[in-house]
Amino acid sequence: FLEPVNTALAPGYTDVIKHPMDFGTMTTKVERGRYRSLEEFANDFKLVTTNAKTYNPPNTIYHTEANRIE
């Protein structure tokens, strides 16, 4: 969740996930003042977890952790 998904290690990721997001990118956006509201930040956070659950099957560590942090 911390860095962008390495698409070399995640076959088909860009076919499934059209709007990638990760916490590192979110941190950069915060540092650069790119969020105009808490809602924009929350939407990106939700995108991180939704993407993880969309790409990864249930019962994988990524899917499980996405559920846990939501």
PDB file of N, CA and C in Angstrom:
ATOM      1  N   PHE A   1       0.812  -1.204   0.000  1.00  0.00           N
ATOM      2  CA  PHE A   1       0.000   0.000   0.000  1.00  0.00           C
ATOM      3  C   PHE A   1       0.855   1.268   0.000  1.00  0.00           C
ATOM      4  N   LEU A   2       2.096   1.127   0.402  1.00  0.00           N
ATOM      5  CA  LEU A   2       2.949   2.302   0.581  1.00  0.00           C
ATOM      6  C   LEU A   2       3.464   2.889  -0.722  1.00  0.00           C
ATOM      7  N   GLU A   3       3.712   2.046  -1.706  1.00  0.00           N
ATOM      8  CA  GLU A   3       4.265   2.503  -2.983  1.00  0.00           C
ATOM      9  C   GLU A   3       3.368   2.049  -4.127  1.00  0.00           C
ATOM     10  N   PRO A   4       3.516   2.666  -5.294  1.00  0.00           N
ATOM     11  CA  PRO A   4       2.738   2.206  -6.448  1.00  0.00           C
ATOM     12  C   PRO A   4       2.991   0.719  -6.713  1.00  0.00           C
ATOM     13  N   VAL A   5       1.959   0.047  -7.193  1.00  0.00           N
ATOM     14  CA  VAL A   5       2.076  -1.377  -7.511  1.00  0.00           C
ATOM     15  C   VAL A   5       3.109  -1.565  -8.614  1.00  0.00           C
ATOM     16  N   ASN A   6       3.993  -2.525  -8.425  1.00  0.00           N
ATOM     17  CA  ASN A   6       4.976  -2.881  -9.447  1.00  0.00           C
ATOM     18  C   ASN A   6       4.260  -3.760 -10.464  1.00  0.00           C
ATOM     19  N   THR A   7       3.921  -3.193 -11.603  1.00  0.00           N
ATOM     20  CA  THR A   7       3.124  -3.922 -12.593  1.00  0.00           C
ATOM     21  C   THR A   7       3.881  -5.101 -13.199  1.00  0.00           C
ATOM     22  N   ALA A   8       5.196  -5.121 -13.073  1.00  0.00           N
ATOM     23  CA  ALA A   8       5.965  -6.281 -13.533  1.00  0.00           C
ATOM     24  C   ALA A   8       5.685  -7.497 -12.648  1.00  0.00           C
ATOM     25  N   LEU A   9       5.284  -7.244 -11.408  1.00  0.00           N
ATOM     26  CA  LEU A   9       4.982  -8.322 -10.467  1.00  0.00           C
ATOM     27  C   LEU A   9       3.486  -8.571 -10.311  1.00  0.00           C
ATOM     28  N   ALA A  10       2.674  -7.754 -10.966  1.00  0.00           N
ATOM     29  CA  ALA A  10       1.218  -7.865 -10.850  1.00  0.00           C
ATOM     30  C   ALA A  10       0.604  -7.919 -12.247  1.00  0.00           C
ATOM     31  N   PRO A  11       0.616  -9.088 -12.867  1.00  0.00           N
ATOM     32  CA  PRO A  11       0.126  -9.211 -14.241  1.00  0.00           C
ATOM     33  C   PRO A  11      -1.321  -8.740 -14.386  1.00  0.00           C
ATOM     34  N   GLY A  12      -1.564  -7.946 -15.414  1.00  0.00           N
ATOM     35  CA  GLY A  12      -2.908  -7.473 -15.706  1.00  0.00           C
ATOM     36  C   GLY A  12      -3.411  -6.362 -14.811  1.00  0.00           C
ATOM     37  N   TYR A  13      -2.561  -5.864 -13.928  1.00  0.00           N
ATOM     38  CA  TYR A  13      -3.007  -4.839 -12.975  1.00  0.00           C
ATOM     39  C   TYR A  13      -3.609  -3.634 -13.688  1.00  0.00           C
ATOM     40  N   THR A  14      -2.941  -3.159 -14.714  1.00  0.00           N
ATOM     41  CA  THR A  14      -3.435  -1.960 -15.408  1.00  0.00           C
ATOM     42  C   THR A  14      -4.678  -2.248 -16.239  1.00  0.00           C
ATOM     43  N   ASP A  15      -4.956  -3.503 -16.517  1.00  0.00           N
ATOM     44  CA  ASP A  15      -6.203  -3.856 -17.199  1.00  0.00           C
ATOM     45  C   ASP A  15      -7.376  -3.813 -16.236  1.00  0.00           C
ATOM     46  N   VAL A  16      -7.116  -4.124 -14.982  1.00  0.00           N
ATOM     47  CA  VAL A  16      -8.167  -4.202 -13.968  1.00  0.00           C
ATOM     48  C   VAL A  16      -8.332  -2.880 -13.222  1.00  0.00           C
ATOM     49  N   ILE A  17      -7.229  -2.245 -12.881  1.00  0.00           N
ATOM     50  CA  ILE A  17      -7.244  -1.025 -12.061  1.00  0.00           C
ATOM     51  C   ILE A  17      -6.958   0.182 -12.949  1.00  0.00           C
ATOM     52  N   LYS A  18      -7.965   1.013 -13.119  1.00  0.00           N
ATOM     53  CA  LYS A  18      -7.839   2.173 -14.016  1.00  0.00           C
ATOM     54  C   LYS A  18      -7.316   3.424 -13.315  1.00  0.00           C
ATOM     55  N   HIS A  19      -7.440   3.485 -11.991  1.00  0.00           N
ATOM     56  CA  HIS A  19      -7.001   4.661 -11.228  1.00  0.00           C
ATOM     57  C   HIS A  19      -6.166   4.206 -10.028  1.00  0.00           C
ATOM     58  N   PRO A  20      -4.898   3.860 -10.262  1.00  0.00           N
ATOM     59  CA  PRO A  20      -4.050   3.404  -9.154  1.00  0.00           C
ATOM     60  C   PRO A  20      -3.827   4.511  -8.115  1.00  0.00           C
ATOM     61  N   MET A  21      -3.677   4.088  -6.873  1.00  0.00           N
ATOM     62  CA  MET A  21      -3.374   5.025  -5.794  1.00  0.00           C
ATOM     63  C   MET A  21      -2.645   4.249  -4.706  1.00  0.00           C
ATOM     64  N   ASP A  22      -1.758   4.932  -4.000  1.00  0.00           N
ATOM     65  CA  ASP A  22      -1.000   4.335  -2.903  1.00  0.00           C
ATOM     66  C   ASP A  22      -0.711   5.419  -1.871  1.00  0.00           C
ATOM     67  N   PHE A  23      -0.298   4.995  -0.683  1.00  0.00           N
ATOM     68  CA  PHE A  23      -0.075   5.948   0.401  1.00  0.00           C
ATOM     69  C   PHE A  23       1.132   6.847   0.159  1.00  0.00           C
ATOM     70  N   GLY A  24       2.114   6.377  -0.576  1.00  0.00           N
ATOM     71  CA  GLY A  24       3.257   7.227  -0.915  1.00  0.00           C
ATOM     72  C   GLY A  24       2.839   8.392  -1.799  1.00  0.00           C
ATOM     73  N   THR A  25       2.007   8.092  -2.785  1.00  0.00           N
ATOM     74  CA  THR A  25       1.481   9.146  -3.660  1.00  0.00           C
ATOM     75  C   THR A  25       0.618  10.111  -2.857  1.00  0.00           C
ATOM     76  N   MET A  26      -0.169   9.574  -1.941  1.00  0.00           N
ATOM     77  CA  MET A  26      -1.001  10.435  -1.100  1.00  0.00           C
ATOM     78  C   MET A  26      -0.132  11.352  -0.243  1.00  0.00           C
ATOM     79  N   THR A  27       0.946  10.829   0.307  1.00  0.00           N
ATOM     80  CA  THR A  27       1.860  11.642   1.115  1.00  0.00           C
ATOM     81  C   THR A  27       2.432  12.790   0.294  1.00  0.00           C
ATOM     82  N   THR A  28       2.842  12.491  -0.924  1.00  0.00           N
ATOM     83  CA  THR A  28       3.367  13.529  -1.817  1.00  0.00           C
ATOM     84  C   THR A  28       2.303  14.583  -2.086  1.00  0.00           C
ATOM     85  N   LYS A  29       1.066  14.150  -2.313  1.00  0.00           N
ATOM     86  CA  LYS A  29      -0.021  15.101  -2.559  1.00  0.00           C
ATOM     87  C   LYS A  29      -0.260  16.002  -1.347  1.00  0.00           C
ATOM     88  N   VAL A  30      -0.156  15.434  -0.142  1.00  0.00           N
ATOM     89  CA  VAL A  30      -0.302  16.238   1.080  1.00  0.00           C
ATOM     90  C   VAL A  30       0.821  17.267   1.156  1.00  0.00           C
ATOM     91  N   GLU A  31       2.049  16.814   0.955  1.00  0.00           N
ATOM     92  CA  GLU A  31       3.212  17.706   1.044  1.00  0.00           C
ATOM     93  C   GLU A  31       3.144  18.840   0.025  1.00  0.00           C
ATOM     94  N   ARG A  32       2.551  18.578  -1.107  1.00  0.00           N
ATOM     95  CA  ARG A  32       2.455  19.595  -2.163  1.00  0.00           C
ATOM     96  C   ARG A  32       1.146  20.381  -2.130  1.00  0.00           C
ATOM     97  N   GLY A  33       0.334  20.142  -1.111  1.00  0.00           N
ATOM     98  CA  GLY A  33      -0.917  20.876  -0.968  1.00  0.00           C
ATOM     99  C   GLY A  33      -1.929  20.575  -2.060  1.00  0.00           C
ATOM    100  N   ARG A  34      -1.930  19.350  -2.550  1.00  0.00           N
ATOM    101  CA  ARG A  34      -2.790  18.988  -3.674  1.00  0.00           C
ATOM    102  C   ARG A  34      -4.219  18.636  -3.264  1.00  0.00           C
ATOM    103  N   TYR A  35      -4.434  18.369  -1.971  1.00  0.00           N
ATOM    104  CA  TYR A  35      -5.788  18.075  -1.506  1.00  0.00           C
ATOM    105  C   TYR A  35      -6.456  19.379  -1.100  1.00  0.00           C
ATOM    106  N   ARG A  36      -7.618  19.628  -1.656  1.00  0.00           N
ATOM    107  CA  ARG A  36      -8.366  20.840  -1.322  1.00  0.00           C
ATOM    108  C   ARG A  36      -9.382  20.598  -0.214  1.00  0.00           C
ATOM    109  N   SER A  37      -9.602  19.319   0.104  1.00  0.00           N
ATOM    110  CA  SER A  37     -10.563  19.006   1.155  1.00  0.00           C
ATOM    111  C   SER A  37     -10.247  17.642   1.756  1.00  0.00           C
ATOM    112  N   LEU A  38     -10.786  17.410   2.933  1.00  0.00           N
ATOM    113  CA  LEU A  38     -10.649  16.112   3.573  1.00  0.00           C
ATOM    114  C   LEU A  38     -11.347  15.041   2.734  1.00  0.00           C
ATOM    115  N   GLU A  39     -12.404  15.429   2.054  1.00  0.00           N
ATOM    116  CA  GLU A  39     -13.131  14.485   1.200  1.00  0.00           C
ATOM    117  C   GLU A  39     -12.239  13.955   0.070  1.00  0.00           C
ATOM    118  N   GLU A  40     -11.441  14.816  -0.545  1.00  0.00           N
ATOM    119  CA  GLU A  40     -10.519  14.367  -1.598  1.00  0.00           C
ATOM    120  C   GLU A  40      -9.512  13.366  -1.036  1.00  0.00           C
ATOM    121  N   PHE A  41      -8.998  13.648   0.151  1.00  0.00           N
ATOM    122  CA  PHE A  41      -8.063  12.738   0.809  1.00  0.00           C
ATOM    123  C   PHE A  41      -8.743  11.399   1.098  1.00  0.00           C
ATOM    124  N   ALA A  42      -9.937  11.454   1.651  1.00  0.00           N
ATOM    125  CA  ALA A  42     -10.682  10.234   1.977  1.00  0.00           C
ATOM    126  C   ALA A  42     -10.987   9.422   0.720  1.00  0.00           C
ATOM    127  N   ASN A  43     -11.281  10.096  -0.377  1.00  0.00           N
ATOM    128  CA  ASN A  43     -11.547   9.397  -1.636  1.00  0.00           C
ATOM    129  C   ASN A  43     -10.314   8.641  -2.117  1.00  0.00           C
ATOM    130  N   ASP A  44      -9.142   9.246  -1.994  1.00  0.00           N
ATOM    131  CA  ASP A  44      -7.914   8.556  -2.392  1.00  0.00           C
ATOM    132  C   ASP A  44      -7.631   7.375  -1.463  1.00  0.00           C
ATOM    133  N   PHE A  45      -7.875   7.557  -0.171  1.00  0.00           N
ATOM    134  CA  PHE A  45      -7.693   6.449   0.773  1.00  0.00           C
ATOM    135  C   PHE A  45      -8.596   5.284   0.391  1.00  0.00           C
ATOM    136  N   LYS A  46      -9.843   5.590   0.091  1.00  0.00           N
ATOM    137  CA  LYS A  46     -10.800   4.554  -0.317  1.00  0.00           C
ATOM    138  C   LYS A  46     -10.347   3.889  -1.614  1.00  0.00           C
ATOM    139  N   LEU A  47      -9.770   4.656  -2.516  1.00  0.00           N
ATOM    140  CA  LEU A  47      -9.269   4.105  -3.774  1.00  0.00           C
ATOM    141  C   LEU A  47      -8.163   3.077  -3.519  1.00  0.00           C
ATOM    142  N   VAL A  48      -7.298   3.350  -2.559  1.00  0.00           N
ATOM    143  CA  VAL A  48      -6.231   2.399  -2.214  1.00  0.00           C
ATOM    144  C   VAL A  48      -6.847   1.059  -1.805  1.00  0.00           C
ATOM    145  N   THR A  49      -7.811   1.100  -0.911  1.00  0.00           N
ATOM    146  CA  THR A  49      -8.394  -0.148  -0.411  1.00  0.00           C
ATOM    147  C   THR A  49      -9.278  -0.820  -1.452  1.00  0.00           C
ATOM    148  N   THR A  50     -10.039  -0.053  -2.186  1.00  0.00           N
ATOM    149  CA  THR A  50     -10.896  -0.631  -3.228  1.00  0.00           C
ATOM    150  C   THR A  50     -10.057  -1.302  -4.305  1.00  0.00           C
ATOM    151  N   ASN A  51      -8.993  -0.650  -4.731  1.00  0.00           N
ATOM    152  CA  ASN A  51      -8.111  -1.247  -5.739  1.00  0.00           C
ATOM    153  C   ASN A  51      -7.522  -2.564  -5.234  1.00  0.00           C
ATOM    154  N   ALA A  52      -7.080  -2.577  -3.994  1.00  0.00           N
ATOM    155  CA  ALA A  52      -6.488  -3.795  -3.426  1.00  0.00           C
ATOM    156  C   ALA A  52      -7.498  -4.936  -3.416  1.00  0.00           C
ATOM    157  N   LYS A  53      -8.737  -4.628  -3.061  1.00  0.00           N
ATOM    158  CA  LYS A  53      -9.761  -5.670  -3.000  1.00  0.00           C
ATOM    159  C   LYS A  53     -10.256  -6.071  -4.384  1.00  0.00           C
ATOM    160  N   THR A  54     -10.189  -5.167  -5.332  1.00  0.00           N
ATOM    161  CA  THR A  54     -10.606  -5.484  -6.696  1.00  0.00           C
ATOM    162  C   THR A  54      -9.591  -6.392  -7.376  1.00  0.00           C
ATOM    163  N   TYR A  55      -8.328  -6.098  -7.224  1.00  0.00           N
ATOM    164  CA  TYR A  55      -7.286  -6.863  -7.914  1.00  0.00           C
ATOM    165  C   TYR A  55      -6.963  -8.188  -7.212  1.00  0.00           C
ATOM    166  N   ASN A  56      -6.950  -8.175  -5.894  1.00  0.00           N
ATOM    167  CA  ASN A  56      -6.526  -9.355  -5.133  1.00  0.00           C
ATOM    168  C   ASN A  56      -7.724 -10.169  -4.654  1.00  0.00           C
ATOM    169  N   PRO A  57      -7.654 -11.488  -4.796  1.00  0.00           N
ATOM    170  CA  PRO A  57      -8.762 -12.339  -4.351  1.00  0.00           C
ATOM    171  C   PRO A  57      -8.958 -12.267  -2.836  1.00  0.00           C
ATOM    172  N   PRO A  58     -10.183 -12.564  -2.382  1.00  0.00           N
ATOM    173  CA  PRO A  58     -10.426 -12.648  -0.940  1.00  0.00           C
ATOM    174  C   PRO A  58      -9.458 -13.653  -0.306  1.00  0.00           C
ATOM    175  N   ASN A  59      -9.205 -13.459   0.957  1.00  0.00           N
ATOM    176  CA  ASN A  59      -8.316 -14.322   1.747  1.00  0.00           C
ATOM    177  C   ASN A  59      -6.837 -14.148   1.427  1.00  0.00           C
ATOM    178  N   THR A  60      -6.482 -13.196   0.560  1.00  0.00           N
ATOM    179  CA  THR A  60      -5.074 -12.854   0.397  1.00  0.00           C
ATOM    180  C   THR A  60      -4.739 -11.778   1.420  1.00  0.00           C
ATOM    181  N   ILE A  61      -3.474 -11.630   1.738  1.00  0.00           N
ATOM    182  CA  ILE A  61      -3.053 -10.626   2.718  1.00  0.00           C
ATOM    183  C   ILE A  61      -3.461  -9.219   2.287  1.00  0.00           C
ATOM    184  N   TYR A  62      -3.385  -8.934   0.997  1.00  0.00           N
ATOM    185  CA  TYR A  62      -3.708  -7.590   0.501  1.00  0.00           C
ATOM    186  C   TYR A  62      -5.191  -7.287   0.651  1.00  0.00           C
ATOM    187  N   HIS A  63      -6.017  -8.236   0.300  1.00  0.00           N
ATOM    188  CA  HIS A  63      -7.468  -8.058   0.421  1.00  0.00           C
ATOM    189  C   HIS A  63      -7.858  -7.939   1.902  1.00  0.00           C
ATOM    190  N   THR A  64      -7.308  -8.829   2.705  1.00  0.00           N
ATOM    191  CA  THR A  64      -7.616  -8.838   4.138  1.00  0.00           C
ATOM    192  C   THR A  64      -7.189  -7.538   4.812  1.00  0.00           C
ATOM    193  N   GLU A  65      -5.997  -7.069   4.515  1.00  0.00           N
ATOM    194  CA  GLU A  65      -5.514  -5.828   5.119  1.00  0.00           C
ATOM    195  C   GLU A  65      -6.302  -4.619   4.624  1.00  0.00           C
ATOM    196  N   ALA A  66      -6.711  -4.634   3.374  1.00  0.00           N
ATOM    197  CA  ALA A  66      -7.543  -3.538   2.860  1.00  0.00           C
ATOM    198  C   ALA A  66      -8.848  -3.464   3.646  1.00  0.00           C
ATOM    199  N   ASN A  67      -9.453  -4.605   3.908  1.00  0.00           N
ATOM    200  CA  ASN A  67     -10.670  -4.632   4.730  1.00  0.00           C
ATOM    201  C   ASN A  67     -10.394  -4.117   6.132  1.00  0.00           C
ATOM    202  N   ARG A  68      -9.272  -4.519   6.693  1.00  0.00           N
ATOM    203  CA  ARG A  68      -8.949  -4.149   8.074  1.00  0.00           C
ATOM    204  C   ARG A  68      -8.762  -2.646   8.247  1.00  0.00           C
ATOM    205  N   ILE A  69      -8.139  -1.992   7.274  1.00  0.00           N
ATOM    206  CA  ILE A  69      -7.846  -0.562   7.450  1.00  0.00           C
ATOM    207  C   ILE A  69      -8.973   0.355   6.983  1.00  0.00           C
ATOM    208  N   GLU A  70      -9.986  -0.213   6.353  1.00  0.00           N
ATOM    209  CA  GLU A  70     -11.101   0.643   5.903  1.00  0.00           C
ATOM    210  C   GLU A  70     -11.873   1.215   7.075  1.00  0.00           C
TER     211      GLU A  70
END
